[in-house]
Amino acid sequence: MIILVDSRQQEGKHNLKEKWFADHGIETRRTKLYCGDYTLPTDQSVCIDTKKDIQELVGDICGKQHERFRNECIRAQEAGIKLIILTENIGEKVGHGEIYNPTITKLEELHRWKNPRLFIFSGGKQKYPRATRGITLQKACMTLKARYGVEFLFCTPMQSAEKIVEILTGEENAENT
């Protein structure tokens, strides 16, 4: 099996995925993709754009990258490409460790995510009181899904490569590839 990887993906930042692909006999080829980070050379009707964490998703949807990200969604829709945003995340403590961010497994859970920036204080005051909250991000994702057909999926970093193969091949368990 061959998977195309966008050449604009930063090399060396996806070692876990690259190792999984290699361990499972999956060849990757770097090339400039029309949209997303991963697709198949034989069927580019599905493209996967990966996010290293929910904070990156916030930046693309509610931050300074919004226009670029929205344009990518529109470009995919106009080309008849199913764009899937696969966001890696894992449960962790935030703030001073008294608040726990659960691992988000689906869009319907995103409202439970707590932005770590909300727990940064300086001089006794909250430094980023307007930081994007989980509920706001969830609503924005749902709007993009409704307008442009973008799908939002979530997994842990350890599941990411297998999930990419599963999505691209339509197989339930990519472990058997």
Protein backbone atom coordinates (compact mmCIF):
# COMPACT_ATOMS: atom_id res chain seq x y z
CA MET A 1 0.00 0.00 0.00
CA ILE A 2 1.15 3.54 -0.77
CA ILE A 3 -0.03 6.69 1.02
CA LEU A 4 0.71 10.16 -0.30
CA VAL A 5 1.92 12.65 2.33
CA ASP A 6 1.77 16.38 1.71
CA SER A 7 5.27 17.75 1.17
CA ARG A 8 4.38 20.77 3.33
CA GLN A 9 4.08 18.47 6.37
CA GLN A 10 7.02 19.19 8.65
CA GLU A 11 9.50 16.34 8.47
CA GLY A 12 10.52 14.81 11.78
CA LYS A 13 7.30 15.84 13.54
CA HIS A 14 5.34 12.72 12.60
CA ASN A 15 7.78 9.99 13.61
CA LEU A 16 5.14 7.92 15.43
CA LYS A 17 2.97 7.75 12.30
CA GLU A 18 5.93 7.14 10.01
CA LYS A 19 7.15 4.27 12.19
CA TRP A 20 3.69 2.68 12.25
CA PHE A 21 3.42 2.92 8.47
CA ALA A 22 6.89 1.37 8.02
CA ASP A 23 6.17 -1.40 10.55
CA HIS A 24 3.03 -2.31 8.61
CA GLY A 25 4.63 -2.30 5.17
CA ILE A 26 3.01 0.95 4.07
CA GLU A 27 5.09 3.09 1.78
CA THR A 28 4.73 6.88 1.99
CA ARG A 29 5.54 9.28 -0.80
CA ARG A 30 5.89 13.01 -0.25
CA THR A 31 4.19 15.26 -2.80
CA LYS A 32 2.20 18.47 -2.80
CA LEU A 33 -1.46 17.60 -2.15
CA TYR A 34 -4.44 19.67 -3.25
CA CYS A 35 -5.72 19.64 0.32
CA GLY A 36 -5.01 17.79 3.55
CA ASP A 37 -1.95 15.85 4.65
CA TYR A 38 -2.70 12.24 3.60
CA THR A 39 -4.50 10.55 0.71
CA LEU A 40 -4.20 7.56 -1.61
CA PRO A 41 -2.54 7.83 -5.03
CA THR A 42 -5.32 5.72 -6.56
CA ASP A 43 -8.27 7.61 -5.02
CA GLN A 44 -7.87 11.18 -3.84
CA SER A 45 -11.57 11.70 -3.17
CA VAL A 46 -10.79 11.46 0.57
CA CYS A 47 -8.06 13.58 2.16
CA ILE A 48 -7.07 13.66 5.83
CA ASP A 49 -5.72 16.80 7.47
CA THR A 50 -4.06 15.96 10.79
CA LYS A 51 -3.81 18.24 13.82
CA LYS A 52 -1.23 17.54 16.53
CA ASP A 53 -3.65 18.61 19.26
CA ILE A 54 -6.86 20.49 19.95
CA GLN A 55 -4.92 23.73 20.42
CA GLU A 56 -3.82 23.53 16.75
CA LEU A 57 -7.46 22.97 15.78
CA VAL A 58 -8.39 26.12 17.75
CA GLY A 59 -5.79 28.13 15.82
CA ASP A 60 -7.13 26.92 12.47
CA ILE A 61 -10.80 27.42 13.24
CA CYS A 62 -11.03 30.23 15.78
CA GLY A 63 -7.67 31.91 15.35
CA LYS A 64 -5.49 33.68 12.85
CA GLN A 65 -5.47 30.70 10.45
CA HIS A 66 -9.28 30.69 10.08
CA GLU A 67 -9.44 32.20 6.59
CA ARG A 68 -6.75 29.86 5.22
CA PHE A 69 -8.45 26.86 6.83
CA ARG A 70 -11.93 27.84 5.58
CA ASN A 71 -10.52 28.31 2.07
CA GLU A 72 -9.08 24.78 2.22
CA CYS A 73 -12.52 23.46 3.22
CA ILE A 74 -14.14 25.32 0.31
CA ARG A 75 -11.46 24.11 -2.12
CA ALA A 76 -12.05 20.49 -1.04
CA GLN A 77 -15.82 20.84 -1.30
CA GLU A 78 -15.63 22.39 -4.79
CA ALA A 79 -13.32 19.57 -5.95
CA GLY A 80 -15.65 16.88 -4.57
CA ILE A 81 -13.09 15.82 -1.97
CA LYS A 82 -14.21 14.55 1.43
CA LEU A 83 -11.95 16.42 3.85
CA ILE A 84 -11.49 14.78 7.22
CA ILE A 85 -9.80 16.62 10.07
CA LEU A 86 -8.14 14.09 12.37
CA THR A 87 -7.14 15.70 15.65
CA GLU A 88 -4.79 13.92 18.01
CA ASN A 89 -5.32 14.43 21.74
CA ILE A 90 -4.85 12.63 25.00
CA GLY A 91 -6.27 13.30 28.43
CA GLU A 92 -4.12 15.48 30.65
CA LYS A 93 -4.18 17.71 33.67
CA VAL A 94 -4.33 21.45 33.02
CA GLY A 95 -3.76 24.50 35.13
CA HIS A 96 -2.07 23.56 38.38
CA GLY A 97 -3.11 19.95 37.96
CA GLU A 98 -6.49 20.16 39.62
CA ILE A 99 -8.45 20.11 36.34
CA TYR A 100 -8.45 17.15 33.97
CA ASN A 101 -8.96 17.41 30.23
CA PRO A 102 -10.46 14.13 29.00
CA THR A 103 -9.37 12.44 25.78
CA ILE A 104 -11.86 13.62 23.17
CA THR A 105 -13.02 10.76 20.93
CA LYS A 106 -15.76 12.46 18.89
CA LEU A 107 -17.06 15.90 17.96
CA GLU A 108 -20.00 15.57 20.34
CA GLU A 109 -17.55 15.52 23.28
CA LEU A 110 -15.55 18.59 22.28
CA HIS A 111 -17.53 20.87 24.62
CA ARG A 112 -15.82 19.04 27.51
CA TRP A 113 -12.36 20.27 26.44
CA LYS A 114 -10.86 23.01 28.60
CA ASN A 115 -8.41 25.37 26.93
CA PRO A 116 -5.17 25.34 28.96
CA ARG A 117 -4.76 29.06 28.19
CA LEU A 118 -7.74 29.76 30.48
CA PHE A 119 -5.61 28.59 33.43
CA ILE A 120 -2.68 30.94 32.91
CA PHE A 121 -2.58 33.75 35.43
CA SER A 122 -0.31 36.76 35.74
CA GLY A 123 -0.40 39.08 38.73
CA GLY A 124 -3.46 37.29 40.07
CA LYS A 125 -5.44 37.90 36.87
CA GLN A 126 -6.40 35.48 34.14
CA LYS A 127 -3.99 36.22 31.29
CA TYR A 128 -6.22 34.95 28.44
CA PRO A 129 -9.85 35.32 29.61
CA ARG A 130 -11.10 35.30 26.00
CA ALA A 131 -9.34 32.04 25.05
CA THR A 132 -11.55 29.75 22.99
CA ARG A 133 -13.62 27.34 25.07
CA GLY A 134 -14.53 23.81 24.06
CA ILE A 135 -18.20 24.63 23.45
CA THR A 136 -17.25 27.49 21.10
CA LEU A 137 -14.86 25.25 19.17
CA GLN A 138 -17.47 22.50 18.95
CA LYS A 139 -20.07 24.91 17.50
CA ALA A 140 -17.54 26.25 14.97
CA CYS A 141 -16.64 22.70 13.87
CA MET A 142 -20.32 21.84 13.50
CA THR A 143 -20.82 24.92 11.34
CA LEU A 144 -17.91 23.93 9.07
CA LYS A 145 -19.30 20.40 8.88
CA ALA A 146 -22.75 21.69 7.87
CA ARG A 147 -21.46 24.26 5.35
CA TYR A 148 -18.59 22.39 3.72
CA GLY A 149 -19.06 18.71 4.55
CA VAL A 150 -15.86 18.58 6.59
CA GLU A 151 -15.74 15.69 9.04
CA PHE A 152 -14.01 15.99 12.41
CA LEU A 153 -12.53 12.87 13.99
CA PHE A 154 -10.38 12.46 17.10
CA CYS A 155 -7.85 9.90 18.28
CA THR A 156 -4.79 9.56 20.46
CA PRO A 157 -1.36 10.11 18.87
CA MET A 158 -0.74 6.34 19.14
CA GLN A 159 -3.88 5.60 17.09
CA SER A 160 -3.31 8.23 14.40
CA ALA A 161 -1.51 6.23 11.70
CA GLU A 162 -3.85 3.26 12.01
CA LYS A 163 -6.84 5.62 11.88
CA ILE A 164 -5.47 7.25 8.70
CA VAL A 165 -5.21 3.85 7.00
CA GLU A 166 -8.65 2.84 8.28
CA ILE A 167 -10.23 6.00 6.88
CA LEU A 168 -8.46 5.87 3.52
CA THR A 169 -9.14 2.17 2.93
CA GLY A 170 -12.57 2.02 4.53
CA GLU A 171 -11.38 -0.91 6.65
CA GLU A 172 -12.52 -1.20 10.25
CA ASN A 173 -9.23 -2.63 11.49
CA ALA A 174 -6.19 -1.36 9.63
CA GLU A 175 -3.97 -3.55 11.82
CA ASN A 176 -4.50 -6.33 9.28
CA THR A 177 -3.00 -4.40 6.33
